[in-house]
PDB file of N, CA and C in Angstrom:
ATOM      1  N   UNK A   1      98.248 100.096 111.698  1.00  0.00           N
ATOM      2  CA  UNK A   1      96.982  99.818 112.351  1.00  0.00           C
ATOM      3  C   UNK A   1      95.992  99.325 111.312  1.00  0.00           C
ATOM      4  N   UNK A   2      95.390  98.179 111.542  1.00  0.00           N
ATOM      5  CA  UNK A   2      94.425  97.645 110.585  1.00  0.00           C
ATOM      6  C   UNK A   2      93.037  98.187 110.878  1.00  0.00           C
ATOM      7  N   UNK A   3      92.268  98.331 109.831  1.00  0.00           N
ATOM      8  CA  UNK A   3      90.908  98.827 109.982  1.00  0.00           C
ATOM      9  C   UNK A   3      89.941  97.656 109.968  1.00  0.00           C
ATOM     10  N   UNK A   4      88.935  97.739 110.772  1.00  0.00           N
ATOM     11  CA  UNK A   4      87.902  96.715 110.797  1.00  0.00           C
ATOM     12  C   UNK A   4      86.822  97.084 109.793  1.00  0.00           C
ATOM     13  N   UNK A   5      86.398  96.099 109.056  1.00  0.00           N
ATOM     14  CA  UNK A   5      85.345  96.319 108.068  1.00  0.00           C
ATOM     15  C   UNK A   5      84.049  95.626 108.470  1.00  0.00           C
ATOM     16  N   UNK A   6      83.928  95.267 109.733  1.00  0.00           N
ATOM     17  CA  UNK A   6      82.756  94.545 110.200  1.00  0.00           C
ATOM     18  C   UNK A   6      81.470  95.333 110.024  1.00  0.00           C
ATOM     19  N   UNK A   7      81.542  96.652 110.093  1.00  0.00           N
ATOM     20  CA  UNK A   7      80.335  97.463 110.035  1.00  0.00           C
ATOM     21  C   UNK A   7      80.168  98.152 108.687  1.00  0.00           C
ATOM     22  N   UNK A   8      81.003  97.846 107.763  1.00  0.00           N
ATOM     23  CA  UNK A   8      80.905  98.448 106.435  1.00  0.00           C
ATOM     24  C   UNK A   8      79.667  97.920 105.711  1.00  0.00           C
ATOM     25  N   UNK A   9      79.197  98.721 104.782  1.00  0.00           N
ATOM     26  CA  UNK A   9      78.079  98.279 103.960  1.00  0.00           C
ATOM     27  C   UNK A   9      78.517  97.063 103.143  1.00  0.00           C
ATOM     28  N   UNK A  10      77.666  96.055 103.043  1.00  0.00           N
ATOM     29  CA  UNK A  10      78.041  94.897 102.247  1.00  0.00           C
ATOM     30  C   UNK A  10      78.117  95.258 100.773  1.00  0.00           C
ATOM     31  N   UNK A  11      79.000  94.573 100.081  1.00  0.00           N
ATOM     32  CA  UNK A  11      79.147  94.764  98.640  1.00  0.00           C
ATOM     33  C   UNK A  11      77.857  94.308  97.951  1.00  0.00           C
ATOM     34  N   UNK A  12      77.305  95.106  97.045  1.00  0.00           N
ATOM     35  CA  UNK A  12      76.067  94.698  96.375  1.00  0.00           C
ATOM     36  C   UNK A  12      76.315  93.509  95.450  1.00  0.00           C
ATOM     37  N   UNK A  13      75.281  92.740  95.202  1.00  0.00           N
ATOM     38  CA  UNK A  13      75.396  91.588  94.313  1.00  0.00           C
ATOM     39  C   UNK A  13      75.666  92.051  92.881  1.00  0.00           C
ATOM     40  N   UNK A  14      75.177  93.230  92.528  1.00  0.00           N
ATOM     41  CA  UNK A  14      75.435  93.817  91.221  1.00  0.00           C
ATOM     42  C   UNK A  14      75.291  95.324  91.326  1.00  0.00           C
ATOM     43  N   UNK A  15      75.935  96.032  90.425  1.00  0.00           N
ATOM     44  CA  UNK A  15      75.860  97.486  90.474  1.00  0.00           C
ATOM     45  C   UNK A  15      75.241  98.082  89.215  1.00  0.00           C
ATOM     46  N   UNK A  16      74.682  97.232  88.361  1.00  0.00           N
ATOM     47  CA  UNK A  16      74.062  97.728  87.136  1.00  0.00           C
ATOM     48  C   UNK A  16      72.979  96.765  86.664  1.00  0.00           C
ATOM     49  N   UNK A  17      72.156  97.233  85.747  1.00  0.00           N
ATOM     50  CA  UNK A  17      71.127  96.379  85.155  1.00  0.00           C
ATOM     51  C   UNK A  17      71.785  95.547  84.062  1.00  0.00           C
ATOM     52  N   UNK A  18      71.591  94.247  84.140  1.00  0.00           N
ATOM     53  CA  UNK A  18      72.164  93.328  83.157  1.00  0.00           C
ATOM     54  C   UNK A  18      71.201  93.214  81.972  1.00  0.00           C
ATOM     55  N   UNK A  19      71.681  93.550  80.805  1.00  0.00           N
ATOM     56  CA  UNK A  19      70.892  93.433  79.584  1.00  0.00           C
ATOM     57  C   UNK A  19      71.356  92.192  78.820  1.00  0.00           C
ATOM     58  N   UNK A  20      71.498  91.140  79.585  1.00  0.00           N
ATOM     59  CA  UNK A  20      71.863  89.820  79.087  1.00  0.00           C
ATOM     60  C   UNK A  20      71.524  88.822  80.201  1.00  0.00           C
ATOM     61  N   UNK A  21      71.606  87.550  79.893  1.00  0.00           N
ATOM     62  CA  UNK A  21      71.407  86.542  80.933  1.00  0.00           C
ATOM     63  C   UNK A  21      72.720  86.393  81.701  1.00  0.00           C
ATOM     64  N   UNK A  22      72.616  86.154  83.017  1.00  0.00           N
ATOM     65  CA  UNK A  22      73.807  86.126  83.856  1.00  0.00           C
ATOM     66  C   UNK A  22      73.564  85.264  85.085  1.00  0.00           C
ATOM     67  N   UNK A  23      74.592  85.069  85.884  1.00  0.00           N
ATOM     68  CA  UNK A  23      74.491  84.285  87.122  1.00  0.00           C
ATOM     69  C   UNK A  23      74.899  85.138  88.309  1.00  0.00           C
ATOM     70  N   UNK A  24      74.131  85.027  89.382  1.00  0.00           N
ATOM     71  CA  UNK A  24      74.431  85.716  90.637  1.00  0.00           C
ATOM     72  C   UNK A  24      74.984  84.689  91.619  1.00  0.00           C
ATOM     73  N   UNK A  25      76.204  84.903  92.076  1.00  0.00           N
ATOM     74  CA  UNK A  25      76.872  83.984  92.985  1.00  0.00           C
ATOM     75  C   UNK A  25      76.453  84.270  94.427  1.00  0.00           C
ATOM     76  N   UNK A  26      75.524  83.471  94.925  1.00  0.00           N
ATOM     77  CA  UNK A  26      75.055  83.590  96.308  1.00  0.00           C
ATOM     78  C   UNK A  26      75.579  82.419  97.143  1.00  0.00           C
ATOM     79  N   UNK A  27      76.711  81.882  96.724  1.00  0.00           N
ATOM     80  CA  UNK A  27      77.355  80.772  97.432  1.00  0.00           C
ATOM     81  C   UNK A  27      78.529  81.231  98.288  1.00  0.00           C
ATOM     82  N   UNK A  28      78.846  82.487  98.257  1.00  0.00           N
ATOM     83  CA  UNK A  28      79.983  82.984  99.037  1.00  0.00           C
ATOM     84  C   UNK A  28      79.760  82.723 100.523  1.00  0.00           C
ATOM     85  N   UNK A  29      80.838  82.625 101.298  1.00  0.00           N
ATOM     86  CA  UNK A  29      80.713  82.322 102.722  1.00  0.00           C
ATOM     87  C   UNK A  29      79.788  83.264 103.492  1.00  0.00           C
ATOM     88  N   UNK A  30      79.730  84.535 103.119  1.00  0.00           N
ATOM     89  CA  UNK A  30      78.881  85.478 103.856  1.00  0.00           C
ATOM     90  C   UNK A  30      77.400  85.095 103.799  1.00  0.00           C
ATOM     91  N   UNK A  31      77.009  84.299 102.813  1.00  0.00           N
ATOM     92  CA  UNK A  31      75.607  83.887 102.706  1.00  0.00           C
ATOM     93  C   UNK A  31      75.284  82.662 103.556  1.00  0.00           C
ATOM     94  N   UNK A  32      76.276  81.909 103.937  1.00  0.00           N
ATOM     95  CA  UNK A  32      76.042  80.680 104.701  1.00  0.00           C
ATOM     96  C   UNK A  32      75.313  80.952 106.011  1.00  0.00           C
ATOM     97  N   UNK A  33      75.660  82.031 106.673  1.00  0.00           N
ATOM     98  CA  UNK A  33      75.074  82.338 107.981  1.00  0.00           C
ATOM     99  C   UNK A  33      73.993  83.411 107.915  1.00  0.00           C
ATOM    100  N   UNK A  34      73.651  83.870 106.732  1.00  0.00           N
ATOM    101  CA  UNK A  34      72.721  84.997 106.629  1.00  0.00           C
ATOM    102  C   UNK A  34      71.705  84.771 105.514  1.00  0.00           C
ATOM    103  N   UNK A  35      70.705  83.966 105.812  1.00  0.00           N
ATOM    104  CA  UNK A  35      69.665  83.646 104.823  1.00  0.00           C
ATOM    105  C   UNK A  35      68.917  84.904 104.378  1.00  0.00           C
ATOM    106  N   UNK A  36      68.651  85.824 105.300  1.00  0.00           N
ATOM    107  CA  UNK A  36      67.943  87.051 104.927  1.00  0.00           C
ATOM    108  C   UNK A  36      68.729  87.847 103.893  1.00  0.00           C
ATOM    109  N   UNK A  37      70.026  87.903 104.061  1.00  0.00           N
ATOM    110  CA  UNK A  37      70.881  88.602 103.094  1.00  0.00           C
ATOM    111  C   UNK A  37      70.845  87.897 101.748  1.00  0.00           C
ATOM    112  N   UNK A  38      70.905  86.572 101.772  1.00  0.00           N
ATOM    113  CA  UNK A  38      70.851  85.802 100.533  1.00  0.00           C
ATOM    114  C   UNK A  38      69.561  86.112  99.781  1.00  0.00           C
ATOM    115  N   UNK A  39      68.427  86.085 100.478  1.00  0.00           N
ATOM    116  CA  UNK A  39      67.138  86.358  99.842  1.00  0.00           C
ATOM    117  C   UNK A  39      67.089  87.788  99.317  1.00  0.00           C
ATOM    118  N   UNK A  40      67.553  88.750 100.100  1.00  0.00           N
ATOM    119  CA  UNK A  40      67.551  90.151  99.660  1.00  0.00           C
ATOM    120  C   UNK A  40      68.414  90.336  98.425  1.00  0.00           C
ATOM    121  N   UNK A  41      69.589  89.707  98.402  1.00  0.00           N
ATOM    122  CA  UNK A  41      70.466  89.846  97.247  1.00  0.00           C
ATOM    123  C   UNK A  41      69.924  89.094  96.036  1.00  0.00           C
ATOM    124  N   UNK A  42      69.219  87.992  96.256  1.00  0.00           N
ATOM    125  CA  UNK A  42      68.590  87.275  95.147  1.00  0.00           C
ATOM    126  C   UNK A  42      67.519  88.151  94.496  1.00  0.00           C
ATOM    127  N   UNK A  43      66.694  88.792  95.314  1.00  0.00           N
ATOM    128  CA  UNK A  43      65.659  89.695  94.793  1.00  0.00           C
ATOM    129  C   UNK A  43      66.325  90.854  94.058  1.00  0.00           C
ATOM    130  N   UNK A  44      67.386  91.409  94.624  1.00  0.00           N
ATOM    131  CA  UNK A  44      68.100  92.507  93.975  1.00  0.00           C
ATOM    132  C   UNK A  44      68.654  92.068  92.617  1.00  0.00           C
ATOM    133  N   UNK A  45      69.176  90.855  92.544  1.00  0.00           N
ATOM    134  CA  UNK A  45      69.713  90.354  91.276  1.00  0.00           C
ATOM    135  C   UNK A  45      68.623  90.300  90.213  1.00  0.00           C
ATOM    136  N   UNK A  46      67.451  89.829  90.589  1.00  0.00           N
ATOM    137  CA  UNK A  46      66.347  89.768  89.629  1.00  0.00           C
ATOM    138  C   UNK A  46      65.935  91.180  89.222  1.00  0.00           C
ATOM    139  N   UNK A  47      65.865  92.078  90.181  1.00  0.00           N
ATOM    140  CA  UNK A  47      65.493  93.467  89.884  1.00  0.00           C
ATOM    141  C   UNK A  47      66.510  94.149  88.973  1.00  0.00           C
ATOM    142  N   UNK A  48      67.732  93.640  88.930  1.00  0.00           N
ATOM    143  CA  UNK A  48      68.782  94.202  88.088  1.00  0.00           C
ATOM    144  C   UNK A  48      68.993  93.390  86.803  1.00  0.00           C
ATOM    145  N   UNK A  49      67.961  92.671  86.411  1.00  0.00           N
ATOM    146  CA  UNK A  49      67.986  91.913  85.158  1.00  0.00           C
ATOM    147  C   UNK A  49      66.922  92.492  84.241  1.00  0.00           C
ATOM    148  N   UNK A  50      67.314  92.874  83.041  1.00  0.00           N
ATOM    149  CA  UNK A  50      66.390  93.496  82.087  1.00  0.00           C
ATOM    150  C   UNK A  50      65.350  92.490  81.601  1.00  0.00           C
ATOM    151  N   UNK A  51      64.197  93.001  81.228  1.00  0.00           N
ATOM    152  CA  UNK A  51      63.121  92.169  80.691  1.00  0.00           C
ATOM    153  C   UNK A  51      63.616  91.406  79.467  1.00  0.00           C
ATOM    154  N   UNK A  52      63.196  90.158  79.374  1.00  0.00           N
ATOM    155  CA  UNK A  52      63.581  89.318  78.257  1.00  0.00           C
ATOM    156  C   UNK A  52      64.793  88.451  78.529  1.00  0.00           C
ATOM    157  N   UNK A  53      65.383  88.586  79.714  1.00  0.00           N
ATOM    158  CA  UNK A  53      66.572  87.823  80.072  1.00  0.00           C
ATOM    159  C   UNK A  53      66.325  87.029  81.347  1.00  0.00           C
ATOM    160  N   UNK A  54      67.314  86.233  81.747  1.00  0.00           N
ATOM    161  CA  UNK A  54      67.197  85.490  83.003  1.00  0.00           C
ATOM    162  C   UNK A  54      68.467  85.645  83.822  1.00  0.00           C
ATOM    163  N   UNK A  55      68.308  85.385  85.115  1.00  0.00           N
ATOM    164  CA  UNK A  55      69.448  85.330  86.025  1.00  0.00           C
ATOM    165  C   UNK A  55      69.411  83.975  86.722  1.00  0.00           C
ATOM    166  N   UNK A  56      70.561  83.327  86.779  1.00  0.00           N
ATOM    167  CA  UNK A  56      70.694  82.086  87.534  1.00  0.00           C
ATOM    168  C   UNK A  56      71.095  82.464  88.953  1.00  0.00           C
ATOM    169  N   UNK A  57      70.259  82.138  89.904  1.00  0.00           N
ATOM    170  CA  UNK A  57      70.566  82.386  91.311  1.00  0.00           C
ATOM    171  C   UNK A  57      71.223  81.124  91.857  1.00  0.00           C
ATOM    172  N   UNK A  58      72.493  81.211  92.152  1.00  0.00           N
ATOM    173  CA  UNK A  58      73.257  80.068  92.648  1.00  0.00           C
ATOM    174  C   UNK A  58      73.353  80.241  94.156  1.00  0.00           C
ATOM    175  N   UNK A  59      72.530  79.494  94.895  1.00  0.00           N
ATOM    176  CA  UNK A  59      72.383  79.705  96.333  1.00  0.00           C
ATOM    177  C   UNK A  59      73.239  78.747  97.160  1.00  0.00           C
ATOM    178  N   UNK A  60      73.578  79.183  98.349  1.00  0.00           N
ATOM    179  CA  UNK A  60      74.459  78.451  99.254  1.00  0.00           C
ATOM    180  C   UNK A  60      73.796  77.170  99.756  1.00  0.00           C
ATOM    181  N   UNK A  61      74.581  76.113  99.816  1.00  0.00           N
ATOM    182  CA  UNK A  61      74.092  74.808 100.273  1.00  0.00           C
ATOM    183  C   UNK A  61      73.609  74.822 101.717  1.00  0.00           C
ATOM    184  N   UNK A  62      74.106  75.733 102.534  1.00  0.00           N
ATOM    185  CA  UNK A  62      73.759  75.774 103.956  1.00  0.00           C
ATOM    186  C   UNK A  62      72.258  75.934 104.192  1.00  0.00           C
ATOM    187  N   UNK A  63      71.539  76.452 103.217  1.00  0.00           N
ATOM    188  CA  UNK A  63      70.110  76.720 103.395  1.00  0.00           C
ATOM    189  C   UNK A  63      69.214  75.672 102.758  1.00  0.00           C
ATOM    190  N   UNK A  64      69.791  74.686 102.125  1.00  0.00           N
ATOM    191  CA  UNK A  64      69.004  73.620 101.525  1.00  0.00           C
ATOM    192  C   UNK A  64      68.346  74.047 100.227  1.00  0.00           C
ATOM    193  N   UNK A  65      67.351  73.282  99.834  1.00  0.00           N
ATOM    194  CA  UNK A  65      66.650  73.532  98.573  1.00  0.00           C
ATOM    195  C   UNK A  65      65.945  74.884  98.623  1.00  0.00           C
ATOM    196  N   UNK A  66      66.071  75.691  97.574  1.00  0.00           N
ATOM    197  CA  UNK A  66      65.490  77.040  97.584  1.00  0.00           C
ATOM    198  C   UNK A  66      63.963  77.076  97.694  1.00  0.00           C
ATOM    199  N   UNK A  67      63.292  75.981  97.416  1.00  0.00           N
ATOM    200  CA  UNK A  67      61.833  75.997  97.548  1.00  0.00           C
ATOM    201  C   UNK A  67      61.407  76.204  99.002  1.00  0.00           C
ATOM    202  N   UNK A  68      62.307  75.912  99.945  1.00  0.00           N
ATOM    203  CA  UNK A  68      61.952  76.031 101.358  1.00  0.00           C
ATOM    204  C   UNK A  68      62.059  77.451 101.899  1.00  0.00           C
ATOM    205  N   UNK A  69      62.686  78.377 101.151  1.00  0.00           N
ATOM    206  CA  UNK A  69      62.846  79.733 101.674  1.00  0.00           C
ATOM    207  C   UNK A  69      62.858  80.817 100.601  1.00  0.00           C
ATOM    208  N   UNK A  70      63.255  80.498  99.384  1.00  0.00           N
ATOM    209  CA  UNK A  70      63.435  81.536  98.365  1.00  0.00           C
ATOM    210  C   UNK A  70      62.201  81.736  97.486  1.00  0.00           C
ATOM    211  N   UNK A  71      61.525  80.676  97.139  1.00  0.00           N
ATOM    212  CA  UNK A  71      60.424  80.787  96.178  1.00  0.00           C
ATOM    213  C   UNK A  71      59.300  81.688  96.681  1.00  0.00           C
ATOM    214  N   UNK A  72      58.975  81.614  97.960  1.00  0.00           N
ATOM    215  CA  UNK A  72      57.918  82.475  98.506  1.00  0.00           C
ATOM    216  C   UNK A  72      58.300  83.947  98.388  1.00  0.00           C
ATOM    217  N   UNK A  73      59.566  84.261  98.624  1.00  0.00           N
ATOM    218  CA  UNK A  73      60.028  85.649  98.504  1.00  0.00           C
ATOM    219  C   UNK A  73      59.958  86.110  97.054  1.00  0.00           C
ATOM    220  N   UNK A  74      60.318  85.237  96.117  1.00  0.00           N
ATOM    221  CA  UNK A  74      60.227  85.596  94.698  1.00  0.00           C
ATOM    222  C   UNK A  74      58.774  85.835  94.306  1.00  0.00           C
ATOM    223  N   UNK A  75      57.871  84.961  94.750  1.00  0.00           N
ATOM    224  CA  UNK A  75      56.445  85.123  94.443  1.00  0.00           C
ATOM    225  C   UNK A  75      55.900  86.428  95.007  1.00  0.00           C
ATOM    226  N   UNK A  76      56.296  86.747  96.227  1.00  0.00           N
ATOM    227  CA  UNK A  76      55.782  87.924  96.926  1.00  0.00           C
ATOM    228  C   UNK A  76      56.302  89.233  96.340  1.00  0.00           C
ATOM    229  N   UNK A  77      57.547  89.263  95.956  1.00  0.00           N
ATOM    230  CA  UNK A  77      58.187  90.534  95.586  1.00  0.00           C
ATOM    231  C   UNK A  77      58.372  90.756  94.096  1.00  0.00           C
ATOM    232  N   UNK A  78      58.230  89.716  93.286  1.00  0.00           N
ATOM    233  CA  UNK A  78      58.595  89.846  91.875  1.00  0.00           C
ATOM    234  C   UNK A  78      57.511  89.292  90.954  1.00  0.00           C
ATOM    235  N   UNK A  79      56.450  90.030  90.797  1.00  0.00           N
ATOM    236  CA  UNK A  79      55.336  89.582  89.961  1.00  0.00           C
ATOM    237  C   UNK A  79      55.731  89.458  88.497  1.00  0.00           C
ATOM    238  N   UNK A  80      56.751  90.205  88.065  1.00  0.00           N
ATOM    239  CA  UNK A  80      57.148  90.210  86.663  1.00  0.00           C
ATOM    240  C   UNK A  80      58.153  89.112  86.326  1.00  0.00           C
ATOM    241  N   UNK A  81      58.341  88.157  87.208  1.00  0.00           N
ATOM    242  CA  UNK A  81      59.337  87.116  86.988  1.00  0.00           C
ATOM    243  C   UNK A  81      58.724  85.724  87.193  1.00  0.00           C
ATOM    244  N   UNK A  82      59.275  84.768  86.475  1.00  0.00           N
ATOM    245  CA  UNK A  82      58.931  83.362  86.692  1.00  0.00           C
ATOM    246  C   UNK A  82      60.244  82.618  86.927  1.00  0.00           C
ATOM    247  N   UNK A  83      60.168  81.474  87.573  1.00  0.00           N
ATOM    248  CA  UNK A  83      61.399  80.770  87.919  1.00  0.00           C
ATOM    249  C   UNK A  83      61.234  79.277  87.771  1.00  0.00           C
ATOM    250  N   UNK A  84      62.379  78.620  87.687  1.00  0.00           N
ATOM    251  CA  UNK A  84      62.407  77.167  87.598  1.00  0.00           C
ATOM    252  C   UNK A  84      63.674  76.663  88.292  1.00  0.00           C
ATOM    253  N   UNK A  85      63.552  75.535  88.933  1.00  0.00           N
ATOM    254  CA  UNK A  85      64.716  74.906  89.549  1.00  0.00           C
ATOM    255  C   UNK A  85      65.530  74.248  88.444  1.00  0.00           C
ATOM    256  N   UNK A  86      66.843  74.465  88.444  1.00  0.00           N
ATOM    257  CA  UNK A  86      67.700  73.909  87.402  1.00  0.00           C
ATOM    258  C   UNK A  86      68.402  72.649  87.899  1.00  0.00           C
ATOM    259  N   UNK A  87      69.207  72.789  88.969  1.00  0.00           N
ATOM    260  CA  UNK A  87      69.945  71.631  89.459  1.00  0.00           C
ATOM    261  C   UNK A  87      70.661  71.950  90.760  1.00  0.00           C
ATOM    262  N   UNK A  88      71.127  70.883  91.397  1.00  0.00           N
ATOM    263  CA  UNK A  88      71.999  71.036  92.547  1.00  0.00           C
ATOM    264  C   UNK A  88      73.437  70.939  92.043  1.00  0.00           C
ATOM    265  N   UNK A  89      74.274  71.859  92.478  1.00  0.00           N
ATOM    266  CA  UNK A  89      75.680  71.890  92.069  1.00  0.00           C
ATOM    267  C   UNK A  89      76.440  70.766  92.772  1.00  0.00           C
ATOM    268  N   UNK A  90      77.579  70.416  92.236  1.00  0.00           N
ATOM    269  CA  UNK A  90      78.428  69.405  92.857  1.00  0.00           C
ATOM    270  C   UNK A  90      78.869  69.788  94.253  1.00  0.00           C
ATOM    271  N   UNK A  91      78.945  71.089  94.534  1.00  0.00           N
ATOM    272  CA  UNK A  91      79.372  71.565  95.851  1.00  0.00           C
ATOM    273  C   UNK A  91      78.217  71.611  96.848  1.00  0.00           C
ATOM    274  N   UNK A  92      77.014  71.308  96.398  1.00  0.00           N
ATOM    275  CA  UNK A  92      75.861  71.283  97.297  1.00  0.00           C
ATOM    276  C   UNK A  92      74.915  72.443  97.147  1.00  0.00           C
ATOM    277  N   UNK A  93      75.339  73.507  96.489  1.00  0.00           N
ATOM    278  CA  UNK A  93      74.459  74.650  96.260  1.00  0.00           C
ATOM    279  C   UNK A  93      73.375  74.317  95.246  1.00  0.00           C
ATOM    280  N   UNK A  94      72.502  75.278  94.998  1.00  0.00           N
ATOM    281  CA  UNK A  94      71.367  75.049  94.102  1.00  0.00           C
ATOM    282  C   UNK A  94      71.265  76.189  93.093  1.00  0.00           C
ATOM    283  N   UNK A  95      70.790  75.860  91.890  1.00  0.00           N
ATOM    284  CA  UNK A  95      70.613  76.850  90.837  1.00  0.00           C
ATOM    285  C   UNK A  95      69.131  76.982  90.530  1.00  0.00           C
ATOM    286  N   UNK A  96      68.627  78.215  90.646  1.00  0.00           N
ATOM    287  CA  UNK A  96      67.273  78.566  90.259  1.00  0.00           C
ATOM    288  C   UNK A  96      67.372  79.597  89.148  1.00  0.00           C
ATOM    289  N   UNK A  97      66.725  79.342  88.031  1.00  0.00           N
ATOM    290  CA  UNK A  97      66.734  80.289  86.905  1.00  0.00           C
ATOM    291  C   UNK A  97      65.468  81.151  86.979  1.00  0.00           C
ATOM    292  N   UNK A  98      65.670  82.466  87.024  1.00  0.00           N
ATOM    293  CA  UNK A  98      64.556  83.398  87.106  1.00  0.00           C
ATOM    294  C   UNK A  98      64.487  84.176  85.800  1.00  0.00           C
ATOM    295  N   UNK A  99      63.352  84.065  85.116  1.00  0.00           N
ATOM    296  CA  UNK A  99      63.108  84.756  83.855  1.00  0.00           C
ATOM    297  C   UNK A  99      62.374  86.051  84.147  1.00  0.00           C
ATOM    298  N   UNK A 100      62.867  87.154  83.619  1.00  0.00           N
ATOM    299  CA  UNK A 100      62.237  88.458  83.818  1.00  0.00           C
ATOM    300  C   UNK A 100      61.452  88.788  82.554  1.00  0.00           C
ATOM    301  N   UNK A 101      60.181  89.088  82.750  1.00  0.00           N
ATOM    302  CA  UNK A 101      59.293  89.358  81.614  1.00  0.00           C
ATOM    303  C   UNK A 101      58.988  90.822  81.471  1.00  0.00           C
TER     304      UNK A 101
END
């Protein structure tokens, strides 16, 4: 008998504070249909990045350029961070680098 995992808690984007610069993969299929989850996990990734480092948020192409949905959430929730658009990936996703101060 197989078990359904539809109602299980989603896997966190990270389980520890990164004391280095790193990339958060928000291009997985589960993010394509769930922009709210993508934004929540992006904020969580920044919150799990130590001061003095950055995290590259690699967002799913399904949501378009991150300035249309992600930047306002970063401004609202993360006063200790600054960000810059890096590039669009060959697969259509986008990279935003968030510096934690």
